[in-house]
PDB file of N, CA and C in Angstrom:
ATOM      1  N   MET A   1     -34.047 125.396 146.643  1.00  0.00           N
ATOM      2  CA  MET A   1     -33.629 126.609 147.300  1.00  0.00           C
ATOM      3  C   MET A   1     -34.340 126.778 148.647  1.00  0.00           C
ATOM      4  N   LYS A   2     -35.664 126.558 148.664  1.00  0.00           N
ATOM      5  CA  LYS A   2     -36.421 126.690 149.904  1.00  0.00           C
ATOM      6  C   LYS A   2     -35.926 125.702 150.954  1.00  0.00           C
ATOM      7  N   GLY A   3     -35.598 124.493 150.507  1.00  0.00           N
ATOM      8  CA  GLY A   3     -35.123 123.472 151.442  1.00  0.00           C
ATOM      9  C   GLY A   3     -33.812 123.857 152.096  1.00  0.00           C
ATOM     10  N   SER A   4     -32.924 124.498 151.350  1.00  0.00           N
ATOM     11  CA  SER A   4     -31.637 124.904 151.925  1.00  0.00           C
ATOM     12  C   SER A   4     -31.833 126.009 152.961  1.00  0.00           C
ATOM     13  N   TRP A   5     -32.782 126.915 152.718  1.00  0.00           N
ATOM     14  CA  TRP A   5     -33.079 127.945 153.715  1.00  0.00           C
ATOM     15  C   TRP A   5     -33.642 127.335 154.995  1.00  0.00           C
ATOM     16  N   ALA A   6     -34.456 126.293 154.850  1.00  0.00           N
ATOM     17  CA  ALA A   6     -35.021 125.623 156.020  1.00  0.00           C
ATOM     18  C   ALA A   6     -33.917 124.986 156.845  1.00  0.00           C
ATOM     19  N   VAL A   7     -32.955 124.366 156.179  1.00  0.00           N
ATOM     20  CA  VAL A   7     -31.832 123.739 156.889  1.00  0.00           C
ATOM     21  C   VAL A   7     -31.011 124.799 157.618  1.00  0.00           C
ATOM     22  N   VAL A   8     -30.740 125.916 156.941  1.00  0.00           N
ATOM     23  CA  VAL A   8     -29.974 127.001 157.558  1.00  0.00           C
ATOM     24  C   VAL A   8     -30.732 127.553 158.765  1.00  0.00           C
ATOM     25  N   LEU A   9     -32.026 127.772 158.624  1.00  0.00           N
ATOM     26  CA  LEU A   9     -32.844 128.297 159.715  1.00  0.00           C
ATOM     27  C   LEU A   9     -32.844 127.347 160.911  1.00  0.00           C
ATOM     28  N   CYS A  10     -33.058 126.067 160.648  1.00  0.00           N
ATOM     29  CA  CYS A  10     -33.070 125.077 161.737  1.00  0.00           C
ATOM     30  C   CYS A  10     -31.719 125.025 162.437  1.00  0.00           C
ATOM     31  N   SER A  11     -30.643 125.081 161.668  1.00  0.00           N
ATOM     32  CA  SER A  11     -29.294 125.064 162.249  1.00  0.00           C
ATOM     33  C   SER A  11     -29.077 126.272 163.149  1.00  0.00           C
ATOM     34  N   LEU A  12     -29.488 127.439 162.677  1.00  0.00           N
ATOM     35  CA  LEU A  12     -29.337 128.649 163.480  1.00  0.00           C
ATOM     36  C   LEU A  12     -30.168 128.586 164.762  1.00  0.00           C
ATOM     37  N   LEU A  13     -31.382 128.053 164.651  1.00  0.00           N
ATOM     38  CA  LEU A  13     -32.227 127.917 165.845  1.00  0.00           C
ATOM     39  C   LEU A  13     -31.602 126.979 166.860  1.00  0.00           C
ATOM     40  N   LEU A  14     -31.061 125.855 166.393  1.00  0.00           N
ATOM     41  CA  LEU A  14     -30.430 124.906 167.301  1.00  0.00           C
ATOM     42  C   LEU A  14     -29.194 125.503 167.957  1.00  0.00           C
ATOM     43  N   ILE A  15     -28.410 126.263 167.205  1.00  0.00           N
ATOM     44  CA  ILE A  15     -27.230 126.914 167.779  1.00  0.00           C
ATOM     45  C   ILE A  15     -27.655 127.933 168.834  1.00  0.00           C
ATOM     46  N   ALA A  16     -28.689 128.717 168.533  1.00  0.00           N
ATOM     47  CA  ALA A  16     -29.173 129.712 169.486  1.00  0.00           C
ATOM     48  C   ALA A  16     -29.673 129.057 170.764  1.00  0.00           C
ATOM     49  N   VAL A  17     -30.394 127.952 170.623  1.00  0.00           N
ATOM     50  CA  VAL A  17     -30.900 127.235 171.801  1.00  0.00           C
ATOM     51  C   VAL A  17     -29.736 126.687 172.618  1.00  0.00           C
ATOM     52  N   GLU A  18     -28.733 126.148 171.943  1.00  0.00           N
ATOM     53  CA  GLU A  18     -27.556 125.603 172.624  1.00  0.00           C
ATOM     54  C   GLU A  18     -26.830 126.698 173.395  1.00  0.00           C
ATOM     55  N   ILE A  19     -26.625 127.858 172.765  1.00  0.00           N
ATOM     56  CA  ILE A  19     -25.940 128.962 173.434  1.00  0.00           C
ATOM     57  C   ILE A  19     -26.754 129.437 174.632  1.00  0.00           C
ATOM     58  N   GLN A  20     -28.064 129.582 174.446  1.00  0.00           N
ATOM     59  CA  GLN A  20     -28.924 130.024 175.540  1.00  0.00           C
ATOM     60  C   GLN A  20     -28.889 129.020 176.681  1.00  0.00           C
ATOM     61  N   GLY A  21     -28.903 127.746 176.357  1.00  0.00           N
ATOM     62  CA  GLY A  21     -28.853 126.704 177.383  1.00  0.00           C
ATOM     63  C   GLY A  21     -27.579 126.769 178.197  1.00  0.00           C
ATOM     64  N   HIS A  22     -26.449 127.022 177.542  1.00  0.00           N
ATOM     65  CA  HIS A  22     -25.180 127.126 178.255  1.00  0.00           C
ATOM     66  C   HIS A  22     -25.138 128.362 179.131  1.00  0.00           C
ATOM     67  N   LEU A  23     -25.768 129.443 178.672  1.00  0.00           N
ATOM     68  CA  LEU A  23     -25.746 130.678 179.438  1.00  0.00           C
ATOM     69  C   LEU A  23     -26.684 130.617 180.635  1.00  0.00           C
ATOM     70  N   THR A  24     -27.814 129.943 180.486  1.00  0.00           N
ATOM     71  CA  THR A  24     -28.817 129.966 181.549  1.00  0.00           C
ATOM     72  C   THR A  24     -28.770 128.756 182.463  1.00  0.00           C
ATOM     73  N   SER A  25     -28.240 127.638 182.000  1.00  0.00           N
ATOM     74  CA  SER A  25     -28.320 126.430 182.815  1.00  0.00           C
ATOM     75  C   SER A  25     -27.370 126.498 184.000  1.00  0.00           C
ATOM     76  N   GLY A  26     -26.092 126.553 183.754  1.00  0.00           N
ATOM     77  CA  GLY A  26     -25.123 126.640 184.822  1.00  0.00           C
ATOM     78  C   GLY A  26     -25.153 125.492 185.805  1.00  0.00           C
ATOM     79  N   LYS A  27     -26.201 124.698 185.803  1.00  0.00           N
ATOM     80  CA  LYS A  27     -26.352 123.609 186.757  1.00  0.00           C
ATOM     81  C   LYS A  27     -25.635 122.354 186.296  1.00  0.00           C
ATOM     82  N   GLY A  28     -25.406 122.214 184.996  1.00  0.00           N
ATOM     83  CA  GLY A  28     -24.725 121.049 184.476  1.00  0.00           C
ATOM     84  C   GLY A  28     -25.569 119.788 184.520  1.00  0.00           C
ATOM     85  N   ARG A  29     -26.874 119.920 184.279  1.00  0.00           N
ATOM     86  CA  ARG A  29     -27.734 118.740 184.244  1.00  0.00           C
ATOM     87  C   ARG A  29     -28.943 118.983 183.359  1.00  0.00           C
ATOM     88  N   CYS A  30     -29.673 117.915 183.126  1.00  0.00           N
ATOM     89  CA  CYS A  30     -30.864 117.995 182.280  1.00  0.00           C
ATOM     90  C   CYS A  30     -32.019 118.677 183.013  1.00  0.00           C
ATOM     91  N   SER A  31     -32.874 119.333 182.248  1.00  0.00           N
ATOM     92  CA  SER A  31     -34.066 119.954 182.825  1.00  0.00           C
ATOM     93  C   SER A  31     -35.163 118.928 183.060  1.00  0.00           C
ATOM     94  N   CYS A  32     -35.238 117.920 182.170  1.00  0.00           N
ATOM     95  CA  CYS A  32     -36.286 116.910 182.257  1.00  0.00           C
ATOM     96  C   CYS A  32     -35.762 115.665 182.958  1.00  0.00           C
ATOM     97  N   THR A  33     -36.552 115.184 183.898  1.00  0.00           N
ATOM     98  CA  THR A  33     -36.239 113.902 184.521  1.00  0.00           C
ATOM     99  C   THR A  33     -37.298 112.909 184.058  1.00  0.00           C
ATOM    100  N   GLY A  34     -36.917 111.707 183.784  1.00  0.00           N
ATOM    101  CA  GLY A  34     -37.859 110.728 183.252  1.00  0.00           C
ATOM    102  C   GLY A  34     -38.005 110.892 181.753  1.00  0.00           C
ATOM    103  N   LYS A  35     -38.898 110.092 181.161  1.00  0.00           N
ATOM    104  CA  LYS A  35     -39.027 110.088 179.698  1.00  0.00           C
ATOM    105  C   LYS A  35     -39.907 111.206 179.163  1.00  0.00           C
ATOM    106  N   GLY A  36     -40.779 111.782 179.961  1.00  0.00           N
ATOM    107  CA  GLY A  36     -41.668 112.848 179.504  1.00  0.00           C
ATOM    108  C   GLY A  36     -42.983 112.298 178.980  1.00  0.00           C
ATOM    109  N   SER A  37     -43.907 113.203 178.710  1.00  0.00           N
ATOM    110  CA  SER A  37     -45.242 112.840 178.224  1.00  0.00           C
ATOM    111  C   SER A  37     -45.189 112.436 176.755  1.00  0.00           C
ATOM    112  N   ASP A  38     -46.025 111.478 176.383  1.00  0.00           N
ATOM    113  CA  ASP A  38     -46.125 111.053 174.991  1.00  0.00           C
ATOM    114  C   ASP A  38     -47.140 111.874 174.206  1.00  0.00           C
ATOM    115  N   PHE A  39     -48.031 112.572 174.911  1.00  0.00           N
ATOM    116  CA  PHE A  39     -49.100 113.301 174.232  1.00  0.00           C
ATOM    117  C   PHE A  39     -49.599 114.427 175.123  1.00  0.00           C
ATOM    118  N   ILE A  40     -49.927 115.562 174.502  1.00  0.00           N
ATOM    119  CA  ILE A  40     -50.647 116.645 175.178  1.00  0.00           C
ATOM    120  C   ILE A  40     -51.693 117.155 174.206  1.00  0.00           C
ATOM    121  N   GLN A  41     -52.732 117.753 174.732  1.00  0.00           N
ATOM    122  CA  GLN A  41     -53.764 118.306 173.854  1.00  0.00           C
ATOM    123  C   GLN A  41     -53.207 119.544 173.164  1.00  0.00           C
ATOM    124  N   ARG A  42     -53.346 119.574 171.853  1.00  0.00           N
ATOM    125  CA  ARG A  42     -52.776 120.658 171.055  1.00  0.00           C
ATOM    126  C   ARG A  42     -53.318 122.030 171.447  1.00  0.00           C
ATOM    127  N   ASN A  43     -54.584 122.086 171.828  1.00  0.00           N
ATOM    128  CA  ASN A  43     -55.180 123.386 172.162  1.00  0.00           C
ATOM    129  C   ASN A  43     -54.657 123.947 173.489  1.00  0.00           C
ATOM    130  N   THR A  44     -53.954 123.149 174.281  1.00  0.00           N
ATOM    131  CA  THR A  44     -53.375 123.636 175.526  1.00  0.00           C
ATOM    132  C   THR A  44     -51.909 124.031 175.368  1.00  0.00           C
ATOM    133  N   LEU A  45     -51.343 123.838 174.171  1.00  0.00           N
ATOM    134  CA  LEU A  45     -49.936 124.111 173.919  1.00  0.00           C
ATOM    135  C   LEU A  45     -49.719 125.592 173.635  1.00  0.00           C
ATOM    136  N   GLY A  46     -48.874 126.215 174.433  1.00  0.00           N
ATOM    137  CA  GLY A  46     -48.556 127.618 174.223  1.00  0.00           C
ATOM    138  C   GLY A  46     -47.252 127.796 173.471  1.00  0.00           C
ATOM    139  N   LYS A  47     -46.205 127.109 173.912  1.00  0.00           N
ATOM    140  CA  LYS A  47     -44.877 127.258 173.325  1.00  0.00           C
ATOM    141  C   LYS A  47     -44.148 125.930 173.443  1.00  0.00           C
ATOM    142  N   ILE A  48     -43.226 125.675 172.531  1.00  0.00           N
ATOM    143  CA  ILE A  48     -42.440 124.450 172.594  1.00  0.00           C
ATOM    144  C   ILE A  48     -40.968 124.792 172.377  1.00  0.00           C
ATOM    145  N   GLU A  49     -40.103 124.206 173.192  1.00  0.00           N
ATOM    146  CA  GLU A  49     -38.661 124.403 173.077  1.00  0.00           C
ATOM    147  C   GLU A  49     -37.999 123.062 172.830  1.00  0.00           C
ATOM    148  N   VAL A  50     -37.082 123.019 171.881  1.00  0.00           N
ATOM    149  CA  VAL A  50     -36.291 121.819 171.632  1.00  0.00           C
ATOM    150  C   VAL A  50     -34.870 122.137 172.063  1.00  0.00           C
ATOM    151  N   ILE A  51     -34.382 121.399 173.048  1.00  0.00           N
ATOM    152  CA  ILE A  51     -33.044 121.617 173.578  1.00  0.00           C
ATOM    153  C   ILE A  51     -32.179 120.425 173.166  1.00  0.00           C
ATOM    154  N   PRO A  52     -31.167 120.671 172.320  1.00  0.00           N
ATOM    155  CA  PRO A  52     -30.346 119.566 171.825  1.00  0.00           C
ATOM    156  C   PRO A  52     -29.424 118.991 172.901  1.00  0.00           C
ATOM    157  N   LYS A  53     -28.827 117.846 172.599  1.00  0.00           N
ATOM    158  CA  LYS A  53     -27.822 117.252 173.483  1.00  0.00           C
ATOM    159  C   LYS A  53     -26.725 118.265 173.714  1.00  0.00           C
ATOM    160  N   SER A  54     -26.124 118.195 174.894  1.00  0.00           N
ATOM    161  CA  SER A  54     -25.021 119.101 175.197  1.00  0.00           C
ATOM    162  C   SER A  54     -24.079 118.415 176.180  1.00  0.00           C
ATOM    163  N   SER A  55     -23.049 119.111 176.561  1.00  0.00           N
ATOM    164  CA  SER A  55     -22.116 118.541 177.535  1.00  0.00           C
ATOM    165  C   SER A  55     -22.754 118.404 178.913  1.00  0.00           C
ATOM    166  N   SER A  56     -23.828 119.173 179.159  1.00  0.00           N
ATOM    167  CA  SER A  56     -24.485 119.095 180.462  1.00  0.00           C
ATOM    168  C   SER A  56     -25.672 118.136 180.485  1.00  0.00           C
ATOM    169  N   CYS A  57     -26.141 117.689 179.303  1.00  0.00           N
ATOM    170  CA  CYS A  57     -27.268 116.758 179.226  1.00  0.00           C
ATOM    171  C   CYS A  57     -27.093 115.889 177.994  1.00  0.00           C
ATOM    172  N   ASP A  58     -27.123 114.576 178.177  1.00  0.00           N
ATOM    173  CA  ASP A  58     -26.779 113.664 177.088  1.00  0.00           C
ATOM    174  C   ASP A  58     -27.940 113.255 176.201  1.00  0.00           C
ATOM    175  N   HIS A  59     -29.078 113.935 176.296  1.00  0.00           N
ATOM    176  CA  HIS A  59     -30.193 113.632 175.399  1.00  0.00           C
ATOM    177  C   HIS A  59     -30.966 114.907 175.033  1.00  0.00           C
ATOM    178  N   VAL A  60     -31.712 114.817 173.939  1.00  0.00           N
ATOM    179  CA  VAL A  60     -32.552 115.934 173.483  1.00  0.00           C
ATOM    180  C   VAL A  60     -33.715 116.084 174.457  1.00  0.00           C
ATOM    181  N   GLU A  61     -34.033 117.327 174.775  1.00  0.00           N
ATOM    182  CA  GLU A  61     -35.179 117.601 175.642  1.00  0.00           C
ATOM    183  C   GLU A  61     -36.174 118.465 174.871  1.00  0.00           C
ATOM    184  N   ILE A  62     -37.449 118.150 175.036  1.00  0.00           N
ATOM    185  CA  ILE A  62     -38.512 118.946 174.427  1.00  0.00           C
ATOM    186  C   ILE A  62     -39.429 119.393 175.563  1.00  0.00           C
ATOM    187  N   ILE A  63     -39.521 120.713 175.719  1.00  0.00           N
ATOM    188  CA  ILE A  63     -40.294 121.274 176.833  1.00  0.00           C
ATOM    189  C   ILE A  63     -41.446 122.089 176.274  1.00  0.00           C
ATOM    190  N   ALA A  64     -42.656 121.731 176.691  1.00  0.00           N
ATOM    191  CA  ALA A  64     -43.866 122.430 176.261  1.00  0.00           C
ATOM    192  C   ALA A  64     -44.342 123.338 177.382  1.00  0.00           C
ATOM    193  N   THR A  65     -44.691 124.560 177.032  1.00  0.00           N
ATOM    194  CA  THR A  65     -45.296 125.486 177.984  1.00  0.00           C
ATOM    195  C   THR A  65     -46.792 125.505 177.693  1.00  0.00           C
ATOM    196  N   MET A  66     -47.581 125.202 178.706  1.00  0.00           N
ATOM    197  CA  MET A  66     -49.018 125.081 178.550  1.00  0.00           C
ATOM    198  C   MET A  66     -49.682 126.445 178.720  1.00  0.00           C
ATOM    199  N   LYS A  67     -50.777 126.646 177.982  1.00  0.00           N
ATOM    200  CA  LYS A  67     -51.535 127.879 178.153  1.00  0.00           C
ATOM    201  C   LYS A  67     -52.858 127.534 178.793  1.00  0.00           C
ATOM    202  N   PRO A  68     -53.442 128.346 179.551  1.00  0.00           N
ATOM    203  CA  PRO A  68     -52.990 129.658 180.005  1.00  0.00           C
ATOM    204  C   PRO A  68     -52.151 129.599 181.284  1.00  0.00           C
ATOM    205  N   SER A  69     -51.928 128.422 181.839  1.00  0.00           N
ATOM    206  CA  SER A  69     -51.276 128.295 183.144  1.00  0.00           C
ATOM    207  C   SER A  69     -49.787 128.628 183.126  1.00  0.00           C
ATOM    208  N   GLY A  70     -49.109 128.416 181.993  1.00  0.00           N
ATOM    209  CA  GLY A  70     -47.672 128.641 181.933  1.00  0.00           C
ATOM    210  C   GLY A  70     -46.872 127.462 182.477  1.00  0.00           C
ATOM    211  N   GLU A  71     -47.578 126.395 182.855  1.00  0.00           N
ATOM    212  CA  GLU A  71     -46.908 125.185 183.352  1.00  0.00           C
ATOM    213  C   GLU A  71     -46.016 124.607 182.261  1.00  0.00           C
ATOM    214  N   GLN A  72     -44.843 124.135 182.651  1.00  0.00           N
ATOM    215  CA  GLN A  72     -43.940 123.512 181.685  1.00  0.00           C
ATOM    216  C   GLN A  72     -43.951 122.003 181.878  1.00  0.00           C
ATOM    217  N   ARG A  73     -44.032 121.286 180.743  1.00  0.00           N
ATOM    218  CA  ARG A  73     -44.028 119.823 180.763  1.00  0.00           C
ATOM    219  C   ARG A  73     -42.979 119.318 179.793  1.00  0.00           C
ATOM    220  N   CYS A  74     -42.277 118.291 180.216  1.00  0.00           N
ATOM    221  CA  CYS A  74     -41.328 117.638 179.325  1.00  0.00           C
ATOM    222  C   CYS A  74     -42.084 116.648 178.453  1.00  0.00           C
ATOM    223  N   LEU A  75     -41.719 116.625 177.172  1.00  0.00           N
ATOM    224  CA  LEU A  75     -42.328 115.691 176.228  1.00  0.00           C
ATOM    225  C   LEU A  75     -41.302 114.625 175.865  1.00  0.00           C
ATOM    226  N   ASN A  76     -41.788 113.444 175.566  1.00  0.00           N
ATOM    227  CA  ASN A  76     -40.926 112.330 175.184  1.00  0.00           C
ATOM    228  C   ASN A  76     -40.444 112.534 173.742  1.00  0.00           C
ATOM    229  N   PRO A  77     -39.139 112.809 173.539  1.00  0.00           N
ATOM    230  CA  PRO A  77     -38.652 113.044 172.179  1.00  0.00           C
ATOM    231  C   PRO A  77     -38.713 111.806 171.288  1.00  0.00           C
ATOM    232  N   ASN A  78     -38.915 110.621 171.867  1.00  0.00           N
ATOM    233  CA  ASN A  78     -39.024 109.382 171.086  1.00  0.00           C
ATOM    234  C   ASN A  78     -40.457 109.051 170.693  1.00  0.00           C
ATOM    235  N   SER A  79     -41.418 109.807 171.196  1.00  0.00           N
ATOM    236  CA  SER A  79     -42.823 109.586 170.874  1.00  0.00           C
ATOM    237  C   SER A  79     -43.099 110.006 169.434  1.00  0.00           C
ATOM    238  N   LYS A  80     -43.778 109.162 168.684  1.00  0.00           N
ATOM    239  CA  LYS A  80     -44.110 109.466 167.281  1.00  0.00           C
ATOM    240  C   LYS A  80     -44.933 110.741 167.189  1.00  0.00           C
ATOM    241  N   TRP A  81     -45.884 110.931 168.106  1.00  0.00           N
ATOM    242  CA  TRP A  81     -46.740 112.118 168.085  1.00  0.00           C
ATOM    243  C   TRP A  81     -45.903 113.382 168.285  1.00  0.00           C
ATOM    244  N   VAL A  82     -44.986 113.351 169.240  1.00  0.00           N
ATOM    245  CA  VAL A  82     -44.138 114.510 169.521  1.00  0.00           C
ATOM    246  C   VAL A  82     -43.242 114.803 168.314  1.00  0.00           C
ATOM    247  N   GLN A  83     -42.671 113.776 167.708  1.00  0.00           N
ATOM    248  CA  GLN A  83     -41.818 113.956 166.536  1.00  0.00           C
ATOM    249  C   GLN A  83     -42.597 114.582 165.380  1.00  0.00           C
ATOM    250  N   LYS A  84     -43.823 114.121 165.159  1.00  0.00           N
ATOM    251  CA  LYS A  84     -44.655 114.685 164.090  1.00  0.00           C
ATOM    252  C   LYS A  84     -44.979 116.147 164.375  1.00  0.00           C
ATOM    253  N   MET A  85     -45.281 116.467 165.622  1.00  0.00           N
ATOM    254  CA  MET A  85     -45.629 117.829 165.993  1.00  0.00           C
ATOM    255  C   MET A  85     -44.433 118.760 165.792  1.00  0.00           C
ATOM    256  N   VAL A  86     -43.252 118.358 166.227  1.00  0.00           N
ATOM    257  CA  VAL A  86     -42.061 119.189 166.068  1.00  0.00           C
ATOM    258  C   VAL A  86     -41.743 119.383 164.587  1.00  0.00           C
ATOM    259  N   THR A  87     -41.838 118.322 163.795  1.00  0.00           N
ATOM    260  CA  THR A  87     -41.594 118.423 162.357  1.00  0.00           C
ATOM    261  C   THR A  87     -42.577 119.394 161.709  1.00  0.00           C
ATOM    262  N   ALA A  88     -43.847 119.306 162.078  1.00  0.00           N
ATOM    263  CA  ALA A  88     -44.861 120.212 161.531  1.00  0.00           C
ATOM    264  C   ALA A  88     -44.576 121.661 161.914  1.00  0.00           C
ATOM    265  N   LEU A  89     -44.142 121.896 163.138  1.00  0.00           N
ATOM    266  CA  LEU A  89     -43.831 123.257 163.574  1.00  0.00           C
ATOM    267  C   LEU A  89     -42.626 123.813 162.822  1.00  0.00           C
ATOM    268  N   ILE A  90     -41.607 122.983 162.594  1.00  0.00           N
ATOM    269  CA  ILE A  90     -40.427 123.423 161.847  1.00  0.00           C
ATOM    270  C   ILE A  90     -40.816 123.777 160.420  1.00  0.00           C
ATOM    271  N   LYS A  91     -41.653 122.926 159.789  1.00  0.00           N
ATOM    272  CA  LYS A  91     -42.095 123.209 158.425  1.00  0.00           C
ATOM    273  C   LYS A  91     -42.897 124.509 158.369  1.00  0.00           C
ATOM    274  N   LYS A  92     -43.758 124.706 159.353  1.00  0.00           N
ATOM    275  CA  LYS A  92     -44.592 125.912 159.393  1.00  0.00           C
ATOM    276  C   LYS A  92     -43.719 127.154 159.535  1.00  0.00           C
ATOM    277  N   ARG A  93     -42.746 127.101 160.439  1.00  0.00           N
ATOM    278  CA  ARG A  93     -41.860 128.257 160.643  1.00  0.00           C
ATOM    279  C   ARG A  93     -41.007 128.532 159.410  1.00  0.00           C
ATOM    280  N   SER A  94     -40.501 127.466 158.785  1.00  0.00           N
ATOM    281  CA  SER A  94     -39.645 127.683 157.624  1.00  0.00           C
ATOM    282  C   SER A  94     -40.445 128.248 156.453  1.00  0.00           C
ATOM    283  N   SER A  95     -41.703 127.840 156.307  1.00  0.00           N
ATOM    284  CA  SER A  95     -42.519 128.393 155.223  1.00  0.00           C
ATOM    285  C   SER A  95     -42.900 129.839 155.514  1.00  0.00           C
ATOM    286  N   GLN A  96     -43.093 130.184 156.768  1.00  0.00           N
ATOM    287  CA  GLN A  96     -43.399 131.569 157.134  1.00  0.00           C
ATOM    288  C   GLN A  96     -42.202 132.471 156.869  1.00  0.00           C
ATOM    289  N   SER A  97     -40.993 131.985 157.157  1.00  0.00           N
ATOM    290  CA  SER A  97     -39.809 132.824 156.990  1.00  0.00           C
ATOM    291  C   SER A  97     -39.461 133.023 155.525  1.00  0.00           C
ATOM    292  N   THR A  98     -39.837 132.096 154.667  1.00  0.00           N
ATOM    293  CA  THR A  98     -39.554 132.257 153.230  1.00  0.00           C
ATOM    294  C   THR A  98     -40.523 133.214 152.563  1.00  0.00           C
ATOM    295  N   HIS A  99     -41.660 133.487 153.208  1.00  0.00           N
ATOM    296  CA  HIS A  99     -42.660 134.388 152.630  1.00  0.00           C
ATOM    297  C   HIS A  99     -42.483 135.826 153.092  1.00  0.00           C
ATOM    298  N   LEU A 100     -41.484 136.099 153.913  1.00  0.00           N
ATOM    299  CA  LEU A 100     -41.286 137.450 154.436  1.00  0.00           C
ATOM    300  C   LEU A 100     -40.629 138.350 153.437  1.00  0.00           C
TER     301      LEU A 100
END
C-alpha cells in the first residue's frame, strides 16, 4: 500500500513539474547546457528540481539550488551519486507524506 502511494506521489510531482515547465519556459529549449556536475557537497544543497523530458528538451534535467548563495547548478542525471541522492530524496518525501 505504501509503495503505491509513493508511485502516485512521484507521478503527481512529475506532472506538476512538467506543467510548470511548460508555463514558465516559453523558450523551447533546455535549461542545462552540457552534462552537468557529477557531485556537489550535500551541506551546500538547498533545493533540487527534477525536470523530465519534454517537447522543448529531449533529456531529464536536474537543477540544484545552492545555499546560502541561491546559485543554480545543473547536475548530471547519469551520475551514480546524483541518482542515489534523488532516489533518497524521493523515499524521504514519500515516507513523510505517509505519516501525515
